[in-house]
PDB file of N, CA and C in Angstrom:
ATOM      1  N   MET A   1     148.913 182.848  95.660  1.00  0.00           N
ATOM      2  CA  MET A   1     150.332 182.688  95.436  1.00  0.00           C
ATOM      3  C   MET A   1     150.607 181.256  94.974  1.00  0.00           C
ATOM      4  N   PRO A   2     151.392 181.098  93.905  1.00  0.00           N
ATOM      5  CA  PRO A   2     151.670 179.747  93.417  1.00  0.00           C
ATOM      6  C   PRO A   2     152.534 178.953  94.395  1.00  0.00           C
ATOM      7  N   LYS A   3     152.323 177.666  94.385  1.00  0.00           N
ATOM      8  CA  LYS A   3     153.140 176.763  95.198  1.00  0.00           C
ATOM      9  C   LYS A   3     154.037 175.994  94.231  1.00  0.00           C
ATOM     10  N   PHE A   4     155.333 176.098  94.406  1.00  0.00           N
ATOM     11  CA  PHE A   4     156.276 175.438  93.521  1.00  0.00           C
ATOM     12  C   PHE A   4     156.778 174.164  94.183  1.00  0.00           C
ATOM     13  N   THR A   5     156.801 173.097  93.443  1.00  0.00           N
ATOM     14  CA  THR A   5     157.315 171.834  93.935  1.00  0.00           C
ATOM     15  C   THR A   5     158.446 171.397  93.015  1.00  0.00           C
ATOM     16  N   PHE A   6     159.650 171.396  93.538  1.00  0.00           N
ATOM     17  CA  PHE A   6     160.799 170.970  92.757  1.00  0.00           C
ATOM     18  C   PHE A   6     161.471 169.833  93.497  1.00  0.00           C
ATOM     19  N   GLY A   7     162.197 169.021  92.788  1.00  0.00           N
ATOM     20  CA  GLY A   7     162.915 167.952  93.459  1.00  0.00           C
ATOM     21  C   GLY A   7     163.483 166.969  92.470  1.00  0.00           C
ATOM     22  N   ASN A   8     164.104 165.950  93.006  1.00  0.00           N
ATOM     23  CA  ASN A   8     164.725 164.935  92.181  1.00  0.00           C
ATOM     24  C   ASN A   8     163.857 163.699  92.023  1.00  0.00           C
ATOM     25  N   ALA A   9     162.619 163.757  92.456  1.00  0.00           N
ATOM     26  CA  ALA A   9     161.734 162.609  92.328  1.00  0.00           C
ATOM     27  C   ALA A   9     161.453 162.332  90.852  1.00  0.00           C
ATOM     28  N   LEU A  10     161.338 161.055  90.538  1.00  0.00           N
ATOM     29  CA  LEU A  10     161.025 160.661  89.167  1.00  0.00           C
ATOM     30  C   LEU A  10     159.538 160.355  89.077  1.00  0.00           C
ATOM     31  N   TYR A  11     158.945 160.727  87.965  1.00  0.00           N
ATOM     32  CA  TYR A  11     157.519 160.532  87.759  1.00  0.00           C
ATOM     33  C   TYR A  11     157.280 159.787  86.453  1.00  0.00           C
ATOM     34  N   GLU A  12     156.233 158.987  86.448  1.00  0.00           N
ATOM     35  CA  GLU A  12     155.819 158.338  85.212  1.00  0.00           C
ATOM     36  C   GLU A  12     155.014 159.352  84.399  1.00  0.00           C
ATOM     37  N   ILE A  13     155.285 159.412  83.105  1.00  0.00           N
ATOM     38  CA  ILE A  13     154.546 160.305  82.218  1.00  0.00           C
ATOM     39  C   ILE A  13     153.714 159.429  81.289  1.00  0.00           C
ATOM     40  N   PRO A  14     152.387 159.425  81.446  1.00  0.00           N
ATOM     41  CA  PRO A  14     151.569 158.610  80.549  1.00  0.00           C
ATOM     42  C   PRO A  14     151.511 159.245  79.162  1.00  0.00           C
ATOM     43  N   LEU A  15     151.724 158.423  78.143  1.00  0.00           N
ATOM     44  CA  LEU A  15     151.641 158.894  76.763  1.00  0.00           C
ATOM     45  C   LEU A  15     150.390 158.315  76.123  1.00  0.00           C
ATOM     46  N   PRO A  16     149.861 158.999  75.090  1.00  0.00           N
ATOM     47  CA  PRO A  16     148.712 158.439  74.380  1.00  0.00           C
ATOM     48  C   PRO A  16     149.072 157.075  73.787  1.00  0.00           C
ATOM     49  N   LYS A  17     148.163 156.118  73.898  1.00  0.00           N
ATOM     50  CA  LYS A  17     148.416 154.780  73.356  1.00  0.00           C
ATOM     51  C   LYS A  17     148.578 154.871  71.851  1.00  0.00           C
ATOM     52  N   PRO A  18     149.446 154.112  71.241  1.00  0.00           N
ATOM     53  CA  PRO A  18     150.188 152.962  71.760  1.00  0.00           C
ATOM     54  C   PRO A  18     151.575 153.322  72.279  1.00  0.00           C
ATOM     55  N   HIS A  19     151.859 154.583  72.505  1.00  0.00           N
ATOM     56  CA  HIS A  19     153.191 155.012  72.924  1.00  0.00           C
ATOM     57  C   HIS A  19     153.385 154.840  74.429  1.00  0.00           C
ATOM     58  N   ARG A  20     154.646 154.650  74.811  1.00  0.00           N
ATOM     59  CA  ARG A  20     154.997 154.643  76.230  1.00  0.00           C
ATOM     60  C   ARG A  20     156.475 154.963  76.361  1.00  0.00           C
ATOM     61  N   LEU A  21     156.841 155.466  77.525  1.00  0.00           N
ATOM     62  CA  LEU A  21     158.238 155.791  77.809  1.00  0.00           C
ATOM     63  C   LEU A  21     158.906 154.621  78.516  1.00  0.00           C
ATOM     64  N   LYS A  22     160.184 154.422  78.220  1.00  0.00           N
ATOM     65  CA  LYS A  22     160.951 153.348  78.859  1.00  0.00           C
ATOM     66  C   LYS A  22     161.256 153.663  80.320  1.00  0.00           C
ATOM     67  N   HIS A  23     161.463 154.943  80.648  1.00  0.00           N
ATOM     68  CA  HIS A  23     161.883 155.339  81.992  1.00  0.00           C
ATOM     69  C   HIS A  23     161.011 156.477  82.527  1.00  0.00           C
ATOM     70  N   TRP A  24     161.087 156.684  83.821  1.00  0.00           N
ATOM     71  CA  TRP A  24     160.451 157.831  84.459  1.00  0.00           C
ATOM     72  C   TRP A  24     161.406 159.011  84.378  1.00  0.00           C
ATOM     73  N   PHE A  25     160.875 160.226  84.477  1.00  0.00           N
ATOM     74  CA  PHE A  25     161.683 161.438  84.346  1.00  0.00           C
ATOM     75  C   PHE A  25     161.382 162.412  85.475  1.00  0.00           C
ATOM     76  N   PRO A  26     162.372 163.250  85.839  1.00  0.00           N
ATOM     77  CA  PRO A  26     162.104 164.286  86.837  1.00  0.00           C
ATOM     78  C   PRO A  26     161.172 165.349  86.256  1.00  0.00           C
ATOM     79  N   LEU A  27     160.230 165.786  87.053  1.00  0.00           N
ATOM     80  CA  LEU A  27     159.282 166.817  86.629  1.00  0.00           C
ATOM     81  C   LEU A  27     159.327 167.977  87.605  1.00  0.00           C
ATOM     82  N   GLN A  28     159.033 169.154  87.089  1.00  0.00           N
ATOM     83  CA  GLN A  28     158.858 170.333  87.926  1.00  0.00           C
ATOM     84  C   GLN A  28     157.366 170.641  87.935  1.00  0.00           C
ATOM     85  N   ILE A  29     156.798 170.708  89.121  1.00  0.00           N
ATOM     86  CA  ILE A  29     155.356 170.880  89.265  1.00  0.00           C
ATOM     87  C   ILE A  29     155.078 172.230  89.917  1.00  0.00           C
ATOM     88  N   THR A  30     154.231 173.020  89.267  1.00  0.00           N
ATOM     89  CA  THR A  30     153.823 174.313  89.804  1.00  0.00           C
ATOM     90  C   THR A  30     152.315 174.271  90.017  1.00  0.00           C
ATOM     91  N   GLU A  31     151.885 174.449  91.264  1.00  0.00           N
ATOM     92  CA  GLU A  31     150.469 174.451  91.585  1.00  0.00           C
ATOM     93  C   GLU A  31     150.018 175.874  91.870  1.00  0.00           C
ATOM     94  N   CYS A  32     149.002 176.311  91.153  1.00  0.00           N
ATOM     95  CA  CYS A  32     148.382 177.612  91.409  1.00  0.00           C
ATOM     96  C   CYS A  32     146.990 177.352  91.988  1.00  0.00           C
ATOM     97  N   VAL A  33     146.249 178.388  92.213  1.00  0.00           N
ATOM     98  CA  VAL A  33     144.931 178.245  92.832  1.00  0.00           C
ATOM     99  C   VAL A  33     144.003 177.378  91.983  1.00  0.00           C
ATOM    100  N   THR A  34     143.975 177.600  90.677  1.00  0.00           N
ATOM    101  CA  THR A  34     143.025 176.888  89.820  1.00  0.00           C
ATOM    102  C   THR A  34     143.679 176.005  88.773  1.00  0.00           C
ATOM    103  N   SER A  35     144.996 175.849  88.799  1.00  0.00           N
ATOM    104  CA  SER A  35     145.645 175.062  87.755  1.00  0.00           C
ATOM    105  C   SER A  35     146.978 174.485  88.225  1.00  0.00           C
ATOM    106  N   VAL A  36     147.459 173.531  87.448  1.00  0.00           N
ATOM    107  CA  VAL A  36     148.750 172.894  87.695  1.00  0.00           C
ATOM    108  C   VAL A  36     149.516 172.874  86.378  1.00  0.00           C
ATOM    109  N   VAL A  37     150.804 173.189  86.444  1.00  0.00           N
ATOM    110  CA  VAL A  37     151.693 173.091  85.288  1.00  0.00           C
ATOM    111  C   VAL A  37     152.761 172.057  85.634  1.00  0.00           C
ATOM    112  N   VAL A  38     152.949 171.091  84.735  1.00  0.00           N
ATOM    113  CA  VAL A  38     153.949 170.045  84.922  1.00  0.00           C
ATOM    114  C   VAL A  38     154.964 170.176  83.795  1.00  0.00           C
ATOM    115  N   GLU A  39     156.224 170.429  84.160  1.00  0.00           N
ATOM    116  CA  GLU A  39     157.284 170.607  83.165  1.00  0.00           C
ATOM    117  C   GLU A  39     158.247 169.429  83.208  1.00  0.00           C
ATOM    118  N   CYS A  40     158.690 169.010  82.022  1.00  0.00           N
ATOM    119  CA  CYS A  40     159.707 167.965  81.904  1.00  0.00           C
ATOM    120  C   CYS A  40     160.916 168.580  81.201  1.00  0.00           C
ATOM    121  N   PRO A  41     161.912 169.026  81.969  1.00  0.00           N
ATOM    122  CA  PRO A  41     163.080 169.676  81.365  1.00  0.00           C
ATOM    123  C   PRO A  41     163.812 168.801  80.346  1.00  0.00           C
ATOM    124  N   ALA A  42     163.812 167.489  80.541  1.00  0.00           N
ATOM    125  CA  ALA A  42     164.525 166.601  79.617  1.00  0.00           C
ATOM    126  C   ALA A  42     164.001 166.731  78.194  1.00  0.00           C
ATOM    127  N   PHE A  43     162.688 166.906  78.045  1.00  0.00           N
ATOM    128  CA  PHE A  43     162.071 167.033  76.727  1.00  0.00           C
ATOM    129  C   PHE A  43     161.729 168.477  76.371  1.00  0.00           C
ATOM    130  N   ASP A  44     161.982 169.403  77.279  1.00  0.00           N
ATOM    131  CA  ASP A  44     161.661 170.815  77.073  1.00  0.00           C
ATOM    132  C   ASP A  44     160.184 170.989  76.716  1.00  0.00           C
ATOM    133  N   GLU A  45     159.318 170.278  77.436  1.00  0.00           N
ATOM    134  CA  GLU A  45     157.875 170.317  77.202  1.00  0.00           C
ATOM    135  C   GLU A  45     157.154 170.503  78.536  1.00  0.00           C
ATOM    136  N   TYR A  46     155.901 170.943  78.457  1.00  0.00           N
ATOM    137  CA  TYR A  46     155.092 171.103  79.667  1.00  0.00           C
ATOM    138  C   TYR A  46     153.648 170.727  79.379  1.00  0.00           C
ATOM    139  N   GLY A  47     152.909 170.448  80.431  1.00  0.00           N
ATOM    140  CA  GLY A  47     151.486 170.179  80.348  1.00  0.00           C
ATOM    141  C   GLY A  47     150.757 171.059  81.347  1.00  0.00           C
ATOM    142  N   TYR A  48     149.492 171.315  81.082  1.00  0.00           N
ATOM    143  CA  TYR A  48     148.694 172.240  81.881  1.00  0.00           C
ATOM    144  C   TYR A  48     147.332 171.603  82.134  1.00  0.00           C
ATOM    145  N   GLY A  49     146.800 171.776  83.330  1.00  0.00           N
ATOM    146  CA  GLY A  49     145.467 171.260  83.614  1.00  0.00           C
ATOM    147  C   GLY A  49     144.938 171.757  84.943  1.00  0.00           C
ATOM    148  N   GLU A  50     143.697 171.364  85.238  1.00  0.00           N
ATOM    149  CA  GLU A  50     143.063 171.765  86.494  1.00  0.00           C
ATOM    150  C   GLU A  50     143.668 171.046  87.695  1.00  0.00           C
ATOM    151  N   ASP A  51     144.243 169.856  87.456  1.00  0.00           N
ATOM    152  CA  ASP A  51     144.875 169.093  88.527  1.00  0.00           C
ATOM    153  C   ASP A  51     146.095 168.370  87.956  1.00  0.00           C
ATOM    154  N   TYR A  52     146.826 167.670  88.843  1.00  0.00           N
ATOM    155  CA  TYR A  52     148.050 166.996  88.412  1.00  0.00           C
ATOM    156  C   TYR A  52     147.775 165.990  87.294  1.00  0.00           C
ATOM    157  N   ASN A  53     146.728 165.171  87.437  1.00  0.00           N
ATOM    158  CA  ASN A  53     146.449 164.133  86.445  1.00  0.00           C
ATOM    159  C   ASN A  53     146.178 164.708  85.064  1.00  0.00           C
ATOM    160  N   SER A  54     145.391 165.766  84.986  1.00  0.00           N
ATOM    161  CA  SER A  54     145.109 166.353  83.672  1.00  0.00           C
ATOM    162  C   SER A  54     146.341 167.059  83.117  1.00  0.00           C
ATOM    163  N   ALA A  55     147.161 167.642  83.980  1.00  0.00           N
ATOM    164  CA  ALA A  55     148.380 168.311  83.517  1.00  0.00           C
ATOM    165  C   ALA A  55     149.399 167.308  82.995  1.00  0.00           C
ATOM    166  N   VAL A  56     149.571 166.182  83.684  1.00  0.00           N
ATOM    167  CA  VAL A  56     150.551 165.191  83.230  1.00  0.00           C
ATOM    168  C   VAL A  56     150.048 164.480  81.968  1.00  0.00           C
ATOM    169  N   LYS A  57     148.734 164.335  81.820  1.00  0.00           N
ATOM    170  CA  LYS A  57     148.174 163.779  80.579  1.00  0.00           C
ATOM    171  C   LYS A  57     148.455 164.732  79.419  1.00  0.00           C
ATOM    172  N   ASP A  58     148.254 166.026  79.643  1.00  0.00           N
ATOM    173  CA  ASP A  58     148.546 167.035  78.623  1.00  0.00           C
ATOM    174  C   ASP A  58     150.036 167.023  78.267  1.00  0.00           C
ATOM    175  N   LEU A  59     150.888 166.841  79.270  1.00  0.00           N
ATOM    176  CA  LEU A  59     152.327 166.742  79.026  1.00  0.00           C
ATOM    177  C   LEU A  59     152.637 165.564  78.109  1.00  0.00           C
ATOM    178  N   GLY A  60     152.059 164.407  78.382  1.00  0.00           N
ATOM    179  CA  GLY A  60     152.283 163.231  77.536  1.00  0.00           C
ATOM    180  C   GLY A  60     151.855 163.473  76.100  1.00  0.00           C
ATOM    181  N   GLU A  61     150.704 164.122  75.914  1.00  0.00           N
ATOM    182  CA  GLU A  61     150.229 164.440  74.563  1.00  0.00           C
ATOM    183  C   GLU A  61     151.165 165.427  73.877  1.00  0.00           C
ATOM    184  N   SER A  62     151.691 166.389  74.634  1.00  0.00           N
ATOM    185  CA  SER A  62     152.635 167.367  74.076  1.00  0.00           C
ATOM    186  C   SER A  62     153.931 166.701  73.644  1.00  0.00           C
ATOM    187  N   ILE A  63     154.430 165.778  74.457  1.00  0.00           N
ATOM    188  CA  ILE A  63     155.672 165.076  74.119  1.00  0.00           C
ATOM    189  C   ILE A  63     155.506 164.288  72.829  1.00  0.00           C
ATOM    190  N   VAL A  64     154.415 163.530  72.711  1.00  0.00           N
ATOM    191  CA  VAL A  64     154.194 162.732  71.500  1.00  0.00           C
ATOM    192  C   VAL A  64     153.993 163.636  70.288  1.00  0.00           C
ATOM    193  N   GLY A  65     153.253 164.732  70.439  1.00  0.00           N
ATOM    194  CA  GLY A  65     153.061 165.661  69.324  1.00  0.00           C
ATOM    195  C   GLY A  65     154.367 166.270  68.853  1.00  0.00           C
ATOM    196  N   PHE A  66     155.221 166.652  69.792  1.00  0.00           N
ATOM    197  CA  PHE A  66     156.529 167.221  69.455  1.00  0.00           C
ATOM    198  C   PHE A  66     157.398 166.174  68.770  1.00  0.00           C
ATOM    199  N   TRP A  67     157.396 164.945  69.281  1.00  0.00           N
ATOM    200  CA  TRP A  67     158.168 163.854  68.692  1.00  0.00           C
ATOM    201  C   TRP A  67     157.715 163.582  67.256  1.00  0.00           C
ATOM    202  N   GLU A  68     156.406 163.542  67.033  1.00  0.00           N
ATOM    203  CA  GLU A  68     155.879 163.321  65.677  1.00  0.00           C
ATOM    204  C   GLU A  68     156.315 164.446  64.741  1.00  0.00           C
ATOM    205  N   SER A  69     156.299 165.687  65.222  1.00  0.00           N
ATOM    206  CA  SER A  69     156.747 166.826  64.404  1.00  0.00           C
ATOM    207  C   SER A  69     158.224 166.707  64.055  1.00  0.00           C
ATOM    208  N   LEU A  70     159.040 166.318  65.028  1.00  0.00           N
ATOM    209  CA  LEU A  70     160.474 166.164  64.766  1.00  0.00           C
ATOM    210  C   LEU A  70     160.744 165.010  63.808  1.00  0.00           C
ATOM    211  N   LYS A  71     159.978 163.920  63.926  1.00  0.00           N
ATOM    212  CA  LYS A  71     160.142 162.801  62.980  1.00  0.00           C
ATOM    213  C   LYS A  71     159.797 163.254  61.567  1.00  0.00           C
ATOM    214  N   HIS A  72     158.765 164.075  61.450  1.00  0.00           N
ATOM    215  CA  HIS A  72     158.363 164.593  60.141  1.00  0.00           C
ATOM    216  C   HIS A  72     159.475 165.471  59.553  1.00  0.00           C
ATOM    217  N   LEU A  73     160.071 166.331  60.377  1.00  0.00           N
ATOM    218  CA  LEU A  73     161.184 167.163  59.907  1.00  0.00           C
ATOM    219  C   LEU A  73     162.350 166.310  59.427  1.00  0.00           C
ATOM    220  N   LYS A  74     162.678 165.286  60.192  1.00  0.00           N
ATOM    221  CA  LYS A  74     163.797 164.417  59.820  1.00  0.00           C
ATOM    222  C   LYS A  74     163.492 163.673  58.524  1.00  0.00           C
ATOM    223  N   LYS A  75     162.259 163.202  58.388  1.00  0.00           N
ATOM    224  CA  LYS A  75     161.845 162.477  57.185  1.00  0.00           C
ATOM    225  C   LYS A  75     161.968 163.361  55.944  1.00  0.00           C
ATOM    226  N   ARG A  76     161.676 164.643  56.111  1.00  0.00           N
ATOM    227  CA  ARG A  76     161.778 165.583  54.990  1.00  0.00           C
ATOM    228  C   ARG A  76     163.190 166.142  54.848  1.00  0.00           C
ATOM    229  N   ARG A  77     164.110 165.577  55.637  1.00  0.00           N
ATOM    230  CA  ARG A  77     165.531 165.945  55.608  1.00  0.00           C
ATOM    231  C   ARG A  77     165.764 167.414  55.942  1.00  0.00           C
ATOM    232  N   ARG A  78     164.976 167.918  56.850  1.00  0.00           N
ATOM    233  CA  ARG A  78     165.153 169.290  57.328  1.00  0.00           C
ATOM    234  C   ARG A  78     166.197 169.295  58.438  1.00  0.00           C
ATOM    235  N   ASN A  79     166.999 170.334  58.463  1.00  0.00           N
ATOM    236  CA  ASN A  79     168.017 170.448  59.502  1.00  0.00           C
ATOM    237  C   ASN A  79     167.383 170.854  60.824  1.00  0.00           C
ATOM    238  N   MET A  80     167.887 170.263  61.887  1.00  0.00           N
ATOM    239  CA  MET A  80     167.466 170.621  63.237  1.00  0.00           C
ATOM    240  C   MET A  80     168.654 171.260  63.933  1.00  0.00           C
ATOM    241  N   GLY A  81     168.383 172.201  64.789  1.00  0.00           N
ATOM    242  CA  GLY A  81     169.446 172.771  65.602  1.00  0.00           C
ATOM    243  C   GLY A  81     169.947 171.738  66.608  1.00  0.00           C
ATOM    244  N   GLU A  82     171.043 172.042  67.243  1.00  0.00           N
ATOM    245  CA  GLU A  82     171.663 171.102  68.187  1.00  0.00           C
ATOM    246  C   GLU A  82     170.724 170.723  69.330  1.00  0.00           C
ATOM    247  N   SER A  83     170.009 171.698  69.899  1.00  0.00           N
ATOM    248  CA  SER A  83     169.118 171.372  71.022  1.00  0.00           C
ATOM    249  C   SER A  83     167.950 170.497  70.563  1.00  0.00           C
ATOM    250  N   MET A  84     167.410 170.768  69.374  1.00  0.00           N
ATOM    251  CA  MET A  84     166.318 169.941  68.834  1.00  0.00           C
ATOM    252  C   MET A  84     166.813 168.528  68.556  1.00  0.00           C
ATOM    253  N   ARG A  85     168.007 168.403  68.002  1.00  0.00           N
ATOM    254  CA  ARG A  85     168.563 167.083  67.705  1.00  0.00           C
ATOM    255  C   ARG A  85     168.773 166.291  69.003  1.00  0.00           C
ATOM    256  N   ARG A  86     169.234 166.959  70.052  1.00  0.00           N
ATOM    257  CA  ARG A  86     169.442 166.293  71.338  1.00  0.00           C
ATOM    258  C   ARG A  86     168.114 165.770  71.895  1.00  0.00           C
ATOM    259  N   ILE A  87     167.081 166.608  71.832  1.00  0.00           N
ATOM    260  CA  ILE A  87     165.762 166.191  72.316  1.00  0.00           C
ATOM    261  C   ILE A  87     165.209 165.063  71.455  1.00  0.00           C
ATOM    262  N   PHE A  88     165.357 165.178  70.132  1.00  0.00           N
ATOM    263  CA  PHE A  88     164.875 164.135  69.226  1.00  0.00           C
ATOM    264  C   PHE A  88     165.570 162.807  69.524  1.00  0.00           C
ATOM    265  N   ASP A  89     166.887 162.836  69.703  1.00  0.00           N
ATOM    266  CA  ASP A  89     167.630 161.608  70.006  1.00  0.00           C
ATOM    267  C   ASP A  89     167.142 160.980  71.310  1.00  0.00           C
ATOM    268  N   LEU A  90     166.880 161.810  72.328  1.00  0.00           N
ATOM    269  CA  LEU A  90     166.360 161.298  73.590  1.00  0.00           C
ATOM    270  C   LEU A  90     164.981 160.678  73.384  1.00  0.00           C
ATOM    271  N   MET A  91     164.129 161.343  72.616  1.00  0.00           N
ATOM    272  CA  MET A  91     162.795 160.817  72.347  1.00  0.00           C
ATOM    273  C   MET A  91     162.877 159.493  71.590  1.00  0.00           C
ATOM    274  N   GLU A  92     163.737 159.424  70.588  1.00  0.00           N
ATOM    275  CA  GLU A  92     163.895 158.190  69.818  1.00  0.00           C
ATOM    276  C   GLU A  92     164.347 157.044  70.723  1.00  0.00           C
ATOM    277  N   GLU A  93     165.179 157.365  71.688  1.00  0.00           N
ATOM    278  CA  GLU A  93     165.702 156.352  72.606  1.00  0.00           C
ATOM    279  C   GLU A  93     164.661 155.931  73.643  1.00  0.00           C
ATOM    280  N   GLN A  94     163.822 156.853  74.091  1.00  0.00           N
ATOM    281  CA  GLN A  94     162.943 156.600  75.233  1.00  0.00           C
ATOM    282  C   GLN A  94     161.493 156.255  74.896  1.00  0.00           C
ATOM    283  N   ILE A  95     161.000 156.679  73.732  1.00  0.00           N
ATOM    284  CA  ILE A  95     159.585 156.447  73.408  1.00  0.00           C
ATOM    285  C   ILE A  95     159.445 155.151  72.629  1.00  0.00           C
ATOM    286  N   ARG A  96     158.534 154.330  73.102  1.00  0.00           N
ATOM    287  CA  ARG A  96     158.216 153.085  72.401  1.00  0.00           C
ATOM    288  C   ARG A  96     156.794 153.188  71.869  1.00  0.00           C
ATOM    289  N   GLY A  97     156.618 152.721  70.664  1.00  0.00           N
ATOM    290  CA  GLY A  97     155.290 152.644  70.077  1.00  0.00           C
ATOM    291  C   GLY A  97     155.052 151.224  69.608  1.00  0.00           C
ATOM    292  N   GLU A  98     153.808 150.867  69.444  1.00  0.00           N
ATOM    293  CA  GLU A  98     153.507 149.501  69.018  1.00  0.00           C
ATOM    294  C   GLU A  98     153.037 149.507  67.601  1.00  0.00           C
TER     295      GLU A  98
END
């Protein structure tokens, strides 16, 4: 039976270098027998792994990949729906790259 962990705690999300987030975000963590899923509702993304560390690393890679895809869409002047634009604006505000 899965164990669900929900709450208002903020967690650091490691991103692939050279990217980093300005702030910590609330995460929803679901632990199953052999895996962990870490969801970040603010970015509408999730990560998956054998343990918390691998799941949160996967989440960071997913966030950066999604952000890069949205930047590419914007660069090509493609329209984004309202929810995508909201997430993109949050990513632009929160993700720092060197």
